[in-house]
Amino acid sequence: MSDDVREMIIIGSGPAGLTAAVYGSRADLRPLMIEGFEAGGQLMLTTDVENYPGFIDGIMGPELMERMRKQAARFGTEYVTDDVTSVDFSQRPFIVRTSDETYKARSVVISTGASAKMLNIPGEKELLGHGVSTCATCDGFFFRDQELLIVGGGDSAMEEAIFLTKFASKVTVVHRRDELRASKIMQQRALDNPKIEFLWNSVITELVGDGKLRGAKIQNVKTGAESLVEAGGAFVAIGHTPNTALFEDHLELDGGYIKTAGQTTETSVPGVFAAGDVVDYRYRQAITAAGMGCEAAMDAERWLEGQH
């Protein structure tokens, strides 16, 4: 274990973590970012990002993350490309362990994000970002006048289906049951929308395309009948899993997401802060994550000033 005690350690390297790093390093907190082997968060799986302010012609997700990383490095952020294996928030300074090293910190910002639940079917991984998406508000604009598929039956799926009708010529909801889990009001809005159709008791068994999605193989779970449905895009809306397994025994969680106090980023442990999709189950946008990263760094700075 190094005797060096960091003012701030940031766990996770998506928009929230990198923005926290920019603000933390500019406040002379010498942040150390443990970025993980899958650095950059969900934007690393996104092709065009056209809704992030300041980029008139859009920007590729990985390029945006690389720019944010370089900006934080310019102000003095140091990076460790490793995964955190355990934490200890019961002692001061806090202990953060990776597979190779143990670090100590006076404050910690958690920005480990959330992972979209996937179908885990053939073609999904290869076509992600090439017609397959997990975020309608991020990517719906690119599918104007196309026929789209959306998988799911909850409120989020219905919200995304309704949103997609602004652009699509038709949206087909594929749902494995014969009724929706969504709230009654969201069900009614979707059922009343003339652009939305439903394939009940159905699952997608394969996403088909050659570098770009062309359609999906769909099976009726009751009859076993299969069909190939052409589509320009397929949206998976079966929920997200916050990446909080590391913190289950250390922080108060709410439905798996880290619980924060009021309108701050303070967690149940003073000196530990959380930002981005690991907290936010509602908006889940790069810009809102970045905003929370700013808040977390400022909250940490003020807390450290109070401690000193």
Protein backbone atom coordinates (compact mmCIF):
# COMPACT_ATOMS: atom_id res chain seq x y z
CA MET A 1 0.00 0.00 0.00
CA SER A 2 1.28 3.42 -0.95
CA ASP A 3 1.64 5.92 1.91
CA ASP A 4 0.46 8.67 -0.44
CA VAL A 5 -3.04 9.80 0.53
CA ARG A 6 -4.98 11.26 -2.37
CA GLU A 7 -7.38 14.11 -1.84
CA MET A 8 -9.76 12.47 -4.34
CA ILE A 9 -10.10 9.10 -6.01
CA ILE A 10 -12.64 8.75 -8.82
CA ILE A 11 -13.96 5.27 -9.60
CA GLY A 12 -15.28 5.07 -13.17
CA SER A 13 -14.50 7.01 -16.34
CA GLY A 14 -17.69 7.96 -18.16
CA PRO A 15 -18.92 11.55 -18.57
CA ALA A 16 -19.64 11.89 -14.83
CA GLY A 17 -16.22 10.69 -13.71
CA LEU A 18 -14.28 12.64 -16.31
CA THR A 19 -16.14 15.87 -15.52
CA ALA A 20 -15.48 15.31 -11.83
CA ALA A 21 -11.83 14.86 -12.75
CA VAL A 22 -11.74 18.17 -14.65
CA TYR A 23 -13.25 20.07 -11.72
CA GLY A 24 -11.29 18.16 -9.10
CA SER A 25 -7.95 18.70 -10.79
CA ARG A 26 -8.68 22.40 -11.36
CA ALA A 27 -9.37 22.65 -7.62
CA ASP A 28 -5.90 21.17 -6.99
CA LEU A 29 -7.27 17.98 -5.45
CA ARG A 30 -4.82 15.76 -7.39
CA PRO A 31 -7.52 13.30 -8.46
CA LEU A 32 -6.60 9.73 -9.29
CA MET A 33 -9.07 8.13 -11.67
CA ILE A 34 -9.32 4.36 -11.63
CA GLU A 35 -10.89 4.10 -15.06
CA GLY A 36 -11.42 0.35 -15.36
CA PHE A 37 -10.47 -1.91 -18.24
CA GLU A 38 -13.68 -0.90 -20.05
CA ALA A 39 -12.94 2.81 -19.80
CA GLY A 40 -15.28 5.48 -21.12
CA GLY A 41 -18.67 4.10 -20.14
CA GLN A 42 -21.65 3.51 -22.42
CA LEU A 43 -20.61 6.22 -24.88
CA MET A 44 -17.85 3.89 -26.05
CA LEU A 45 -20.66 1.82 -27.62
CA THR A 46 -22.25 4.83 -29.34
CA THR A 47 -21.44 5.97 -32.84
CA ASP A 48 -22.81 9.48 -33.47
CA VAL A 49 -23.56 11.77 -30.53
CA GLU A 50 -25.54 14.76 -31.76
CA ASN A 51 -27.18 15.99 -28.57
CA TYR A 52 -24.08 16.94 -26.57
CA PRO A 53 -23.82 20.76 -26.49
CA GLY A 54 -21.01 22.37 -28.43
CA PHE A 55 -20.67 19.86 -31.26
CA ILE A 56 -22.66 21.32 -34.14
CA ASP A 57 -22.02 18.41 -36.50
CA GLY A 58 -22.07 15.75 -33.79
CA ILE A 59 -19.18 13.66 -32.54
CA MET A 60 -18.42 9.96 -32.20
CA GLY A 61 -18.94 8.65 -28.67
CA PRO A 62 -15.39 7.30 -28.23
CA GLU A 63 -13.92 10.57 -29.55
CA LEU A 64 -15.96 12.61 -27.06
CA MET A 65 -14.69 10.43 -24.22
CA GLU A 66 -11.10 10.73 -25.42
CA ARG A 67 -11.39 14.53 -25.53
CA MET A 68 -12.80 14.63 -22.00
CA ARG A 69 -10.02 12.32 -20.81
CA LYS A 70 -7.31 14.52 -22.33
CA GLN A 71 -8.91 17.63 -20.85
CA ALA A 72 -8.82 16.16 -17.35
CA ALA A 73 -5.22 14.98 -17.89
CA ARG A 74 -4.23 18.50 -18.95
CA PHE A 75 -5.18 19.78 -15.50
CA GLY A 76 -3.34 17.01 -13.68
CA THR A 77 -5.64 13.99 -13.37
CA GLU A 78 -3.73 10.71 -13.15
CA TYR A 79 -5.17 7.47 -14.53
CA VAL A 80 -4.96 3.86 -13.52
CA THR A 81 -6.28 1.37 -16.07
CA ASP A 82 -7.50 -1.30 -13.72
CA ASP A 83 -10.74 -2.43 -12.10
CA VAL A 84 -11.53 -1.74 -8.47
CA THR A 85 -11.90 -5.04 -6.63
CA SER A 86 -12.95 -3.78 -3.18
CA VAL A 87 -13.38 -0.68 -1.05
CA ASP A 88 -13.31 0.09 2.67
CA PHE A 89 -15.22 3.20 3.67
CA SER A 90 -15.22 2.32 7.39
CA GLN A 91 -11.81 3.87 8.03
CA ARG A 92 -10.14 7.18 7.25
CA PRO A 93 -8.50 7.62 4.87
CA PHE A 94 -10.70 5.47 2.66
CA ILE A 95 -9.20 2.35 1.10
CA VAL A 96 -9.67 1.50 -2.59
CA ARG A 97 -8.14 -1.73 -3.89
CA THR A 98 -7.47 -2.88 -7.43
CA SER A 99 -6.02 -6.18 -8.59
CA ASP A 100 -2.50 -4.73 -8.40
CA GLU A 101 -2.50 -1.95 -5.81
CA THR A 102 -4.13 -0.43 -2.74
CA TYR A 103 -4.84 3.31 -2.65
CA LYS A 104 -5.86 5.72 0.10
CA ALA A 105 -8.06 8.77 -0.32
CA ARG A 106 -9.68 11.49 1.77
CA SER A 107 -12.66 11.60 -0.60
CA VAL A 108 -14.10 9.27 -3.22
CA VAL A 109 -16.34 9.98 -6.21
CA ILE A 110 -18.20 6.94 -7.55
CA SER A 111 -19.17 7.15 -11.23
CA THR A 112 -19.34 3.50 -12.25
CA GLY A 113 -22.50 4.00 -14.32
CA ALA A 114 -25.15 1.48 -15.26
CA SER A 115 -25.25 -1.24 -17.88
CA ALA A 116 -28.20 -1.67 -20.21
CA LYS A 117 -29.72 -5.13 -19.96
CA MET A 118 -29.24 -6.89 -23.26
CA LEU A 119 -31.06 -9.70 -25.03
CA ASN A 120 -27.85 -11.73 -25.50
CA ILE A 121 -28.92 -13.05 -28.89
CA PRO A 122 -26.98 -13.54 -32.13
CA GLY A 123 -26.24 -10.30 -33.99
CA GLU A 124 -26.90 -8.00 -31.03
CA LYS A 125 -23.30 -7.29 -30.04
CA GLU A 126 -22.11 -6.96 -33.65
CA LEU A 127 -24.89 -4.53 -34.63
CA LEU A 128 -24.87 -2.40 -31.46
CA GLY A 129 -24.42 1.15 -32.68
CA HIS A 130 -25.22 0.05 -36.25
CA GLY A 131 -28.99 -0.08 -36.04
CA VAL A 132 -29.27 -1.60 -32.57
CA SER A 133 -29.56 0.84 -29.66
CA THR A 134 -30.39 0.95 -25.96
CA CYS A 135 -31.38 4.63 -25.92
CA ALA A 136 -34.22 6.07 -28.01
CA THR A 137 -33.66 9.65 -26.86
CA CYS A 138 -30.01 9.36 -27.88
CA ASP A 139 -30.47 7.73 -31.27
CA GLY A 140 -34.08 8.10 -32.40
CA PHE A 141 -33.27 11.09 -34.60
CA PHE A 142 -31.16 8.88 -36.89
CA PHE A 143 -34.13 6.68 -37.83
CA ARG A 144 -36.43 9.17 -39.48
CA ASP A 145 -39.15 7.59 -41.69
CA GLN A 146 -38.01 4.03 -40.89
CA GLU A 147 -39.85 1.06 -39.40
CA LEU A 148 -38.47 0.29 -35.95
CA LEU A 149 -38.67 -2.47 -33.35
CA ILE A 150 -38.60 -1.98 -29.61
CA VAL A 151 -38.30 -4.76 -27.03
CA GLY A 152 -39.88 -4.38 -23.61
CA GLY A 153 -43.15 -3.96 -21.78
CA GLY A 154 -42.50 -1.52 -18.94
CA ASP A 155 -42.91 2.24 -18.60
CA SER A 156 -39.48 2.94 -20.09
CA ALA A 157 -40.25 0.84 -23.16
CA MET A 158 -43.57 2.62 -23.70
CA GLU A 159 -41.97 6.04 -23.22
CA GLU A 160 -39.31 5.17 -25.77
CA ALA A 161 -41.84 3.74 -28.22
CA ILE A 162 -43.93 6.92 -28.04
CA PHE A 163 -40.80 9.06 -28.42
CA LEU A 164 -39.72 7.10 -31.50
CA THR A 165 -43.02 7.80 -33.26
CA LYS A 166 -41.79 11.39 -33.70
CA PHE A 167 -39.33 10.04 -36.26
CA ALA A 168 -40.37 6.54 -37.34
CA SER A 169 -43.00 5.58 -39.88
CA LYS A 170 -43.97 2.67 -37.61
CA VAL A 171 -42.88 1.31 -34.25
CA THR A 172 -43.50 -2.34 -33.40
CA VAL A 173 -43.31 -3.33 -29.74
CA VAL A 174 -42.13 -6.92 -29.27
CA HIS A 175 -43.26 -8.29 -25.90
CA ARG A 176 -42.96 -11.82 -24.56
CA ARG A 177 -46.30 -11.66 -22.71
CA ASP A 178 -49.85 -10.86 -23.78
CA GLU A 179 -50.09 -7.78 -21.56
CA LEU A 180 -47.80 -4.91 -20.60
CA ARG A 181 -46.13 -4.28 -17.25
CA ALA A 182 -46.27 -0.52 -17.81
CA SER A 183 -48.56 1.74 -15.77
CA LYS A 184 -52.12 2.03 -17.06
CA ILE A 185 -51.65 5.57 -18.34
CA MET A 186 -48.50 4.67 -20.29
CA GLN A 187 -50.18 1.55 -21.68
CA GLN A 188 -53.12 3.58 -22.91
CA ARG A 189 -50.94 6.21 -24.54
CA ALA A 190 -49.03 3.54 -26.44
CA LEU A 191 -52.13 1.56 -27.39
CA ASP A 192 -53.85 4.71 -28.64
CA ASN A 193 -50.91 5.80 -30.77
CA PRO A 194 -51.67 4.97 -34.44
CA LYS A 195 -47.96 4.51 -35.24
CA ILE A 196 -47.43 1.81 -32.60
CA GLU A 197 -48.21 -1.85 -33.22
CA PHE A 198 -47.70 -4.81 -30.87
CA LEU A 199 -46.35 -8.31 -31.36
CA TRP A 200 -47.63 -10.15 -28.28
CA ASN A 201 -46.18 -13.39 -26.87
CA SER A 202 -43.10 -12.83 -29.00
CA VAL A 203 -39.34 -12.67 -28.62
CA ILE A 204 -36.51 -11.65 -30.93
CA THR A 205 -34.24 -14.63 -31.44
CA GLU A 206 -31.70 -13.03 -33.80
CA LEU A 207 -30.83 -9.60 -35.16
CA VAL A 208 -29.94 -9.75 -38.83
CA GLY A 209 -27.67 -7.53 -40.86
CA ASP A 210 -24.31 -7.21 -42.55
CA GLY A 211 -22.62 -4.25 -40.85
CA LYS A 212 -26.03 -2.60 -40.54
CA LEU A 213 -29.30 -3.91 -39.14
CA ARG A 214 -31.79 -5.17 -41.72
CA GLY A 215 -34.34 -6.90 -39.51
CA ALA A 216 -35.01 -9.45 -36.80
CA LYS A 217 -36.07 -13.06 -36.49
CA ILE A 218 -39.09 -13.15 -34.19
CA GLN A 219 -40.60 -16.23 -32.55
CA ASN A 220 -44.06 -16.62 -31.05
CA VAL A 221 -43.45 -18.20 -27.63
CA LYS A 222 -46.83 -19.99 -27.66
CA THR A 223 -46.90 -21.44 -31.18
CA GLY A 224 -43.16 -21.56 -31.90
CA ALA A 225 -43.78 -19.92 -35.28
CA GLU A 226 -40.88 -17.81 -36.59
CA SER A 227 -40.89 -14.86 -38.96
CA LEU A 228 -38.37 -12.37 -40.31
CA VAL A 229 -39.44 -8.77 -39.76
CA GLU A 230 -37.59 -6.04 -41.66
CA ALA A 231 -36.56 -3.02 -39.61
CA GLY A 232 -34.17 -0.10 -39.87
CA GLY A 233 -33.57 -0.03 -36.14
CA ALA A 234 -34.10 -2.11 -33.01
CA PHE A 235 -34.21 -0.63 -29.51
CA VAL A 236 -33.68 -2.77 -26.43
CA ALA A 237 -35.64 -1.31 -23.50
CA ILE A 238 -35.68 -4.02 -20.86
CA GLY A 239 -34.00 -2.00 -18.12
CA HIS A 240 -30.61 -1.07 -16.74
CA THR A 241 -28.45 -2.58 -14.00
CA PRO A 242 -26.50 -0.02 -11.94
CA ASN A 243 -22.88 -1.05 -11.45
CA THR A 244 -23.03 -1.04 -7.67
CA ALA A 245 -22.13 -4.60 -6.65
CA LEU A 246 -18.89 -3.29 -5.13
CA PHE A 247 -20.74 -0.95 -2.80
CA GLU A 248 -23.67 -3.06 -1.59
CA ASP A 249 -22.24 -3.55 1.91
CA HIS A 250 -20.76 -0.07 2.18
CA LEU A 251 -23.37 2.45 0.99
CA GLU A 252 -27.13 2.84 1.20
CA LEU A 253 -28.76 1.82 -2.08
CA ASP A 254 -32.23 2.40 -3.47
CA GLY A 255 -33.34 -0.21 -5.98
CA GLY A 256 -29.70 -0.99 -6.67
CA TYR A 257 -28.81 2.66 -7.35
CA ILE A 258 -26.67 4.64 -4.90
CA LYS A 259 -28.85 6.82 -2.69
CA THR A 260 -27.80 10.45 -2.37
CA ALA A 261 -28.93 13.11 0.09
CA GLY A 262 -31.41 15.65 -1.21
CA GLN A 263 -30.15 17.60 -4.19
CA THR A 264 -26.51 16.80 -3.44
CA THR A 265 -24.24 13.95 -4.52
CA GLU A 266 -23.48 12.98 -0.89
CA THR A 267 -23.92 9.28 -0.13
CA SER A 268 -24.65 7.65 3.21
CA VAL A 269 -20.93 7.83 4.04
CA PRO A 270 -19.56 11.38 4.54
CA GLY A 271 -16.73 11.99 2.09
CA VAL A 272 -18.05 9.53 -0.50
CA PHE A 273 -19.97 11.03 -3.42
CA ALA A 274 -21.77 9.50 -6.41
CA ALA A 275 -22.68 10.85 -9.83
CA GLY A 276 -24.10 9.80 -13.18
CA ASP A 277 -26.05 6.68 -14.10
CA VAL A 278 -25.02 4.93 -10.89
CA VAL A 279 -27.43 7.38 -9.20
CA ASP A 280 -29.70 8.52 -12.03
CA TYR A 281 -32.32 5.98 -13.10
CA ARG A 282 -34.48 8.57 -14.85
CA TYR A 283 -32.56 10.64 -17.40
CA ARG A 284 -29.40 8.60 -18.14
CA GLN A 285 -27.90 11.11 -20.58
CA ALA A 286 -24.27 12.05 -21.11
CA ILE A 287 -25.00 15.70 -20.39
CA THR A 288 -26.86 15.00 -17.13
CA ALA A 289 -24.08 12.65 -16.04
CA ALA A 290 -21.49 15.33 -16.77
CA GLY A 291 -23.50 17.85 -14.75
CA MET A 292 -23.64 15.48 -11.78
CA GLY A 293 -19.89 14.90 -12.10
CA CYS A 294 -19.37 18.65 -11.71
CA GLU A 295 -21.63 18.63 -8.64
CA ALA A 296 -19.77 15.69 -7.09
CA ALA A 297 -16.37 17.37 -7.46
CA MET A 298 -17.69 20.62 -5.97
CA ASP A 299 -19.40 18.74 -3.12
CA ALA A 300 -16.16 16.87 -2.42
CA GLU A 301 -14.08 20.06 -2.50
CA ARG A 302 -16.36 21.81 0.00
CA TRP A 303 -16.46 18.75 2.24
CA LEU A 304 -12.67 18.52 2.26
CA GLU A 305 -12.38 22.21 3.11
CA GLY A 306 -14.65 21.59 6.09
CA GLN A 307 -12.51 18.66 7.25
CA HIS A 308 -9.28 20.60 7.05
